[in-house]
C-alpha cells in the first residue's frame, strides 16, 4: 500500500519553522485577521536555509492565486508563458491546472498571501482564468512591489512580516472599494473542501442558477471549469495524505474518492506528472509546504481545527 512507502525527505533543507512528525518541511502559516477573511485565505512565511549553491528541484500546485514576495533565492518556474527566471521579486502566481515545475538555488525566503477565489476580480478586476498557470507582477493586485519588499525585509520575525503584509492588503482593499467576492464562489470553495465528488448540476440548482452560469463564475474565480476544480481538490487532498501533511483520520475517505488504484494512478499522473508511488518516494519540499498550508486552511474552514491549534501532522 502507498502509506507503507517511506515518504521522500530532502535532508539538505533546514526550514526555520521546523518539520512534521514525518520529517516534512513546514512554513509559518496562519489564517488572516477576521476583517481580511472575505478576501484572504491564508498567509505564510517560509525561511529555508540550504548549503551554498544548493539547487532544489520541486514544484507548486495551488488551488488559489498567491501573492509571493521572494526576498532570497534564485528561482525558475515553468509557466504557461514559458520558463521564467526569478530573483528578488513580488509576484502574483495564478492558480494551477497541474503541477508547475520550480527550482530554487540557494537559501530562500518567501512571504505571501493566498487569495480567496474571486478576491482578485472583486478588488482589481483580475480574473483567475487569465492567470491560470501564469506569473504576473504584484501590481496586478495593486501591490507596489519595491515598497512591499523593502517593508518586509525590515521585519524581524515571520509573524511580524505577516502583520505588515496584512496592513498592505488592508490598504489595497480600502483603495479598491472593498467589494466582496461572489458568495457562490465561497460556497463552491467549501464544497471542494468537504465533498469534491459532489454533483456540479445539483450544486448549481441549490444556488438557484443554471449550470452555464455557474461555469462562467467558477472559471472567472477559480481559473478552471467546476468539475476540474473538484478534480483538482481530490488530487490535492490525496497528495497531502501521501506527503504526510493531512489528517490521517481522513485517509480512508480520501482514498474512496477514487474508484480503484488504476483510477487514482490515472488522475494523479495527469495532474502531477508522476504516479502516486513516484510522488511518495521523491522529495518535493516546496510542494509539501504549499500542501500543508492548504490542508491547514481546509481543516479550519471545515471547523475541524481551530486557528492556532496544533495540526494533526505536527
Protein backbone atom coordinates (compact mmCIF):
# COMPACT_ATOMS: atom_id res chain seq x y z
CA UNK A 1 0.00 0.00 0.00
CA UNK A 2 1.15 3.57 -0.64
CA UNK A 3 1.05 4.53 3.01
CA UNK A 4 3.77 1.95 3.74
CA UNK A 5 6.29 3.53 1.39
CA UNK A 6 8.84 5.80 3.00
CA UNK A 7 7.98 9.37 2.13
CA UNK A 8 10.87 11.16 0.48
CA UNK A 9 12.54 13.83 2.60
CA UNK A 10 15.29 16.19 1.42
CA UNK A 11 17.71 16.29 4.34
CA UNK A 12 19.67 19.22 2.91
CA UNK A 13 16.98 21.80 3.61
CA UNK A 14 16.54 23.38 7.02
CA UNK A 15 13.18 25.16 7.34
CA UNK A 16 13.20 27.54 10.30
CA UNK A 17 9.57 26.64 11.13
CA UNK A 18 10.62 23.03 11.67
CA UNK A 19 9.28 19.78 10.27
CA UNK A 20 6.31 17.48 10.68
CA UNK A 21 6.47 14.22 12.62
CA UNK A 22 7.34 12.55 9.31
CA UNK A 23 10.21 14.95 8.66
CA UNK A 24 8.39 17.05 6.06
CA UNK A 25 9.16 20.81 5.97
CA UNK A 26 6.70 23.28 7.49
CA UNK A 27 6.24 27.00 6.99
CA UNK A 28 4.91 29.58 9.42
CA UNK A 29 1.35 29.91 8.13
CA UNK A 30 -1.89 31.10 9.67
CA UNK A 31 -5.40 32.33 9.00
CA UNK A 32 -5.84 36.05 8.28
CA UNK A 33 -7.26 38.55 10.71
CA UNK A 34 -11.09 38.37 10.75
CA UNK A 35 -11.54 41.65 8.86
CA UNK A 36 -9.49 40.27 5.95
CA UNK A 37 -11.08 36.81 5.83
CA UNK A 38 -13.52 37.58 2.96
CA UNK A 39 -10.57 38.25 0.63
CA UNK A 40 -7.62 36.37 2.14
CA UNK A 41 -7.43 32.61 2.56
CA UNK A 42 -4.09 32.28 4.36
CA UNK A 43 -0.73 33.92 4.97
CA UNK A 44 2.64 32.23 5.12
CA UNK A 45 6.31 32.94 5.70
CA UNK A 46 8.87 30.38 4.58
CA UNK A 47 12.52 30.76 5.53
CA UNK A 48 14.71 27.86 4.39
CA UNK A 49 18.47 27.55 4.71
CA UNK A 50 20.46 25.25 2.41
CA UNK A 51 24.17 24.81 1.64
CA UNK A 52 25.68 27.44 -0.66
CA UNK A 53 24.90 26.73 -4.30
CA UNK A 54 22.40 24.01 -3.46
CA UNK A 55 19.76 23.62 -6.19
CA UNK A 56 16.35 22.43 -5.09
CA UNK A 57 14.04 20.88 -7.70
CA UNK A 58 10.39 20.86 -6.74
CA UNK A 59 7.08 22.25 -7.90
CA UNK A 60 3.99 24.23 -6.95
CA UNK A 61 0.34 23.28 -7.23
CA UNK A 62 -2.06 25.83 -5.76
CA UNK A 63 -5.83 25.97 -5.98
CA UNK A 64 -5.92 29.76 -5.47
CA UNK A 65 -3.92 32.77 -6.62
CA UNK A 66 -0.97 33.54 -4.36
CA UNK A 67 0.93 36.79 -3.88
CA UNK A 68 4.54 35.77 -3.26
CA UNK A 69 7.20 38.21 -2.09
CA UNK A 70 10.53 36.49 -2.61
CA UNK A 71 13.34 38.10 -0.65
CA UNK A 72 16.09 35.50 -1.15
CA UNK A 73 16.89 32.77 -3.64
CA UNK A 74 17.16 32.42 -7.41
CA UNK A 75 14.08 30.77 -8.89
CA UNK A 76 12.94 29.29 -12.18
CA UNK A 77 9.37 28.31 -12.97
CA UNK A 78 7.83 26.50 -15.93
CA UNK A 79 4.75 28.62 -16.66
CA UNK A 80 2.14 28.77 -19.41
CA UNK A 81 4.26 31.58 -20.87
CA UNK A 82 7.49 29.57 -20.81
CA UNK A 83 10.39 29.37 -18.38
CA UNK A 84 10.76 32.37 -16.08
CA UNK A 85 13.94 33.17 -14.16
CA UNK A 86 13.20 34.98 -10.94
CA UNK A 87 15.14 36.51 -8.10
CA UNK A 88 14.08 39.07 -5.54
CA UNK A 89 10.55 39.93 -6.64
CA UNK A 90 6.90 40.44 -5.68
CA UNK A 91 4.58 38.44 -7.91
CA UNK A 92 1.11 37.01 -8.30
CA UNK A 93 1.13 33.28 -9.05
CA UNK A 94 -2.16 32.27 -10.62
CA UNK A 95 -3.88 29.02 -9.62
CA UNK A 96 -2.62 25.86 -11.25
CA UNK A 97 -4.29 23.33 -13.51
CA UNK A 98 -1.36 20.94 -12.98
CA UNK A 99 1.99 20.82 -11.20
CA UNK A 100 4.23 23.76 -12.08
CA UNK A 101 7.90 22.64 -12.01
CA UNK A 102 10.02 25.04 -9.96
CA UNK A 103 13.69 25.16 -8.98
CA UNK A 104 15.37 27.39 -6.42
CA UNK A 105 19.10 27.86 -5.89
CA UNK A 106 20.46 28.91 -2.52
CA UNK A 107 18.71 29.70 0.74
CA UNK A 108 15.37 31.36 0.24
CA UNK A 109 12.76 33.49 1.97
CA UNK A 110 9.23 33.70 0.62
CA UNK A 111 6.41 35.62 2.28
CA UNK A 112 2.94 35.56 0.83
CA UNK A 113 -0.79 35.54 0.94
CA UNK A 114 -3.26 33.14 -0.61
CA UNK A 115 -6.27 34.95 -2.09
CA UNK A 116 -9.78 33.64 -1.76
CA UNK A 117 -11.46 32.69 -5.04
CA UNK A 118 -12.90 35.83 -6.60
CA UNK A 119 -10.87 38.27 -4.48
CA UNK A 120 -8.75 39.33 -7.45
CA UNK A 121 -11.82 40.04 -9.55
CA UNK A 122 -13.70 41.83 -6.76
CA UNK A 123 -10.85 44.18 -5.88
CA UNK A 124 -8.84 44.60 -9.09
CA UNK A 125 -10.82 43.03 -11.95
CA UNK A 126 -8.22 40.22 -12.07
CA UNK A 127 -9.81 37.01 -13.35
CA UNK A 128 -8.27 33.72 -12.27
CA UNK A 129 -8.85 32.37 -15.77
CA UNK A 130 -6.42 34.98 -17.13
CA UNK A 131 -3.58 33.92 -14.81
CA UNK A 132 -4.05 30.15 -14.62
CA UNK A 133 -0.55 28.57 -14.67
CA UNK A 134 0.97 32.05 -15.07
CA UNK A 135 3.01 34.51 -13.00
CA UNK A 136 2.36 38.25 -13.23
CA UNK A 137 3.73 41.32 -11.38
CA UNK A 138 2.24 42.04 -7.96
CA UNK A 139 0.97 45.35 -9.30
CA UNK A 140 -1.82 43.33 -10.96
CA UNK A 141 -3.33 43.09 -7.47
CA UNK A 142 -2.50 46.68 -6.58
CA UNK A 143 0.64 45.88 -4.55
CA UNK A 144 3.69 48.12 -5.03
CA UNK A 145 6.48 45.59 -5.37
CA UNK A 146 9.53 47.57 -4.27
CA UNK A 147 7.79 49.14 -1.28
CA UNK A 148 6.47 45.73 -0.21
CA UNK A 149 9.90 44.06 -0.45
CA UNK A 150 11.60 46.86 1.49
CA UNK A 151 8.99 46.78 4.26
CA UNK A 152 9.12 43.00 4.64
CA UNK A 153 12.92 42.85 4.53
CA UNK A 154 12.97 45.17 7.56
CA UNK A 155 10.85 42.86 9.73
CA UNK A 156 12.46 40.76 12.47
CA UNK A 157 10.25 37.67 12.58
CA UNK A 158 7.85 35.70 10.36
CA UNK A 159 4.84 36.83 12.41
CA UNK A 160 5.85 40.47 12.19
CA UNK A 161 6.20 40.04 8.43
CA UNK A 162 2.68 38.65 8.19
CA UNK A 163 1.32 41.55 10.26
CA UNK A 164 3.00 44.02 7.90
CA UNK A 165 1.64 42.17 4.88
CA UNK A 166 -1.87 42.27 6.31
CA UNK A 167 -1.55 46.05 6.59
CA UNK A 168 -0.66 46.25 2.90
CA UNK A 169 -3.70 44.16 1.96
CA UNK A 170 -5.96 46.37 4.09
CA UNK A 171 -4.82 49.42 2.17
CA UNK A 172 -5.48 47.70 -1.16
CA UNK A 173 -8.98 46.71 -0.04
CA UNK A 174 -9.76 50.24 1.14
CA UNK A 175 -8.42 51.84 -2.03
CA UNK A 176 -10.34 49.37 -4.20
CA UNK A 177 -13.68 49.99 -2.54
CA UNK A 178 -13.88 46.76 -0.55
CA UNK A 179 -16.18 44.83 -2.89
CA UNK A 180 -16.72 41.27 -1.68
CA UNK A 181 -16.17 38.15 -3.81
CA UNK A 182 -19.29 36.41 -5.10
CA UNK A 183 -20.78 34.32 -2.25
CA UNK A 184 -21.39 31.42 -4.63
CA UNK A 185 -17.64 31.13 -5.11
CA UNK A 186 -17.21 30.90 -1.35
CA UNK A 187 -19.83 28.15 -1.24
CA UNK A 188 -18.10 26.27 -4.06
CA UNK A 189 -14.74 26.51 -2.30
CA UNK A 190 -16.38 24.98 0.79
CA UNK A 191 -17.79 22.21 -1.40
CA UNK A 192 -14.33 21.47 -2.80
CA UNK A 193 -13.07 21.03 0.77
CA UNK A 194 -15.90 18.89 2.08
CA UNK A 195 -17.26 16.91 -0.86
CA UNK A 196 -15.18 17.15 -4.06
CA UNK A 197 -17.16 14.26 -5.54
CA UNK A 198 -20.39 16.24 -5.47
CA UNK A 199 -22.65 16.84 -8.47
CA UNK A 200 -21.98 20.20 -10.10
CA UNK A 201 -25.50 20.32 -11.53
CA UNK A 202 -27.05 19.78 -8.11
CA UNK A 203 -24.84 22.48 -6.62
CA UNK A 204 -25.91 24.97 -9.30
CA UNK A 205 -29.54 24.12 -8.64
CA UNK A 206 -29.07 24.66 -4.91
CA UNK A 207 -27.69 28.13 -5.69
CA UNK A 208 -30.62 28.99 -7.93
CA UNK A 209 -28.54 29.44 -11.08
CA UNK A 210 -28.03 27.45 -14.25
CA UNK A 211 -25.06 25.15 -14.82
CA UNK A 212 -23.87 27.52 -17.54
CA UNK A 213 -23.96 30.50 -15.17
CA UNK A 214 -22.05 28.51 -12.58
CA UNK A 215 -19.40 27.52 -15.09
CA UNK A 216 -18.79 31.14 -16.11
CA UNK A 217 -18.48 32.21 -12.48
CA UNK A 218 -16.17 29.36 -11.45
CA UNK A 219 -13.92 29.82 -14.50
CA UNK A 220 -13.60 33.50 -13.59
CA UNK A 221 -12.89 32.99 -9.88
CA UNK A 222 -11.09 29.60 -9.85
CA UNK A 223 -9.49 29.52 -13.30
CA UNK A 224 -11.00 26.15 -14.30
CA UNK A 225 -14.43 24.66 -15.02
CA UNK A 226 -16.29 23.42 -11.90
CA UNK A 227 -15.64 19.71 -12.49
CA UNK A 228 -11.94 20.38 -12.95
CA UNK A 229 -11.82 22.40 -9.72
CA UNK A 230 -13.28 19.43 -7.83
CA UNK A 231 -10.93 17.02 -9.60
CA UNK A 232 -8.00 19.22 -8.56
CA UNK A 233 -9.28 19.30 -4.97
CA UNK A 234 -9.42 15.50 -4.81
CA UNK A 235 -5.87 15.22 -6.10
CA UNK A 236 -4.52 17.86 -3.70
CA UNK A 237 -6.10 16.08 -0.74
CA UNK A 238 -4.57 12.80 -1.87
CA UNK A 239 -1.17 14.44 -2.39
CA UNK A 240 -1.33 15.92 1.12
CA UNK A 241 -2.08 12.48 2.53
CA UNK A 242 0.83 10.94 0.61
CA UNK A 243 3.22 13.65 1.84
CA UNK A 244 2.17 13.19 5.47
CA UNK A 245 0.60 16.64 5.91
CA UNK A 246 -3.05 15.61 6.21
CA UNK A 247 -5.28 14.29 8.96
CA UNK A 248 -4.76 10.52 8.97
CA UNK A 249 -8.36 10.12 10.18
CA UNK A 250 -9.42 11.09 6.65
CA UNK A 251 -7.18 8.61 4.84
CA UNK A 252 -9.91 6.09 4.00
CA UNK A 253 -12.38 8.76 2.93
CA UNK A 254 -9.80 10.37 0.63
CA UNK A 255 -8.94 7.01 -0.93
CA UNK A 256 -12.61 6.17 -1.54
CA UNK A 257 -12.99 9.21 -3.78
CA UNK A 258 -11.28 7.10 -6.45
CA UNK A 259 -12.92 4.02 -7.94
CA UNK A 260 -9.78 1.90 -7.71
CA UNK A 261 -6.00 2.09 -7.86
CA UNK A 262 -5.92 2.50 -11.64
CA UNK A 263 -8.33 5.43 -11.41
CA UNK A 264 -6.11 7.07 -8.77
CA UNK A 265 -2.96 6.49 -10.80
CA UNK A 266 -4.51 7.86 -13.98
CA UNK A 267 -5.91 11.00 -12.34
CA UNK A 268 -2.85 11.67 -10.21
CA UNK A 269 -0.41 11.22 -13.10
CA UNK A 270 -2.44 13.57 -15.31
CA UNK A 271 -2.16 16.38 -12.73
CA UNK A 272 1.22 15.76 -11.09
CA UNK A 273 3.14 14.21 -13.98
CA UNK A 274 4.07 11.16 -11.92
CA UNK A 275 2.39 8.18 -10.32
CA UNK A 276 1.41 8.24 -6.63
CA UNK A 277 4.23 5.82 -5.88
CA UNK A 278 6.80 8.05 -7.59
CA UNK A 279 5.35 11.07 -5.79
CA UNK A 280 5.69 9.41 -2.40
CA UNK A 281 9.32 8.45 -2.96
CA UNK A 282 10.53 11.79 -4.37
CA UNK A 283 11.29 14.75 -2.06
CA UNK A 284 9.36 17.85 -3.08
CA UNK A 285 9.69 20.33 -0.21
CA UNK A 286 8.21 23.41 -1.88
CA UNK A 287 5.13 21.45 -2.88
CA UNK A 288 4.87 19.96 0.60
CA UNK A 289 4.92 23.43 2.13
CA UNK A 290 2.06 24.53 -0.13
CA UNK A 291 0.06 21.35 0.54
CA UNK A 292 0.47 21.72 4.30
CA UNK A 293 -0.75 25.30 4.20
CA UNK A 294 -3.78 24.30 2.13
CA UNK A 295 -4.69 21.46 4.48
CA UNK A 296 -4.47 23.82 7.45
CA UNK A 297 -6.79 26.23 5.67
CA UNK A 298 -9.14 23.41 4.69
CA UNK A 299 -9.46 21.93 8.18
CA UNK A 300 -10.03 25.35 9.70
CA UNK A 301 -12.68 26.15 7.07
CA UNK A 302 -14.40 22.86 7.91
CA UNK A 303 -14.20 23.79 11.63
CA UNK A 304 -12.28 20.62 12.36
CA UNK A 305 -9.30 22.67 13.51
CA UNK A 306 -9.33 25.92 15.46
CA UNK A 307 -6.99 28.70 14.29
CA UNK A 308 -3.67 28.30 16.05
CA UNK A 309 -4.43 24.78 17.24
CA UNK A 310 -1.70 22.16 16.62
CA UNK A 311 -2.30 20.33 13.34
CA UNK A 312 -2.68 16.53 13.26
CA UNK A 313 0.64 16.05 11.44
CA UNK A 314 2.71 18.22 13.80
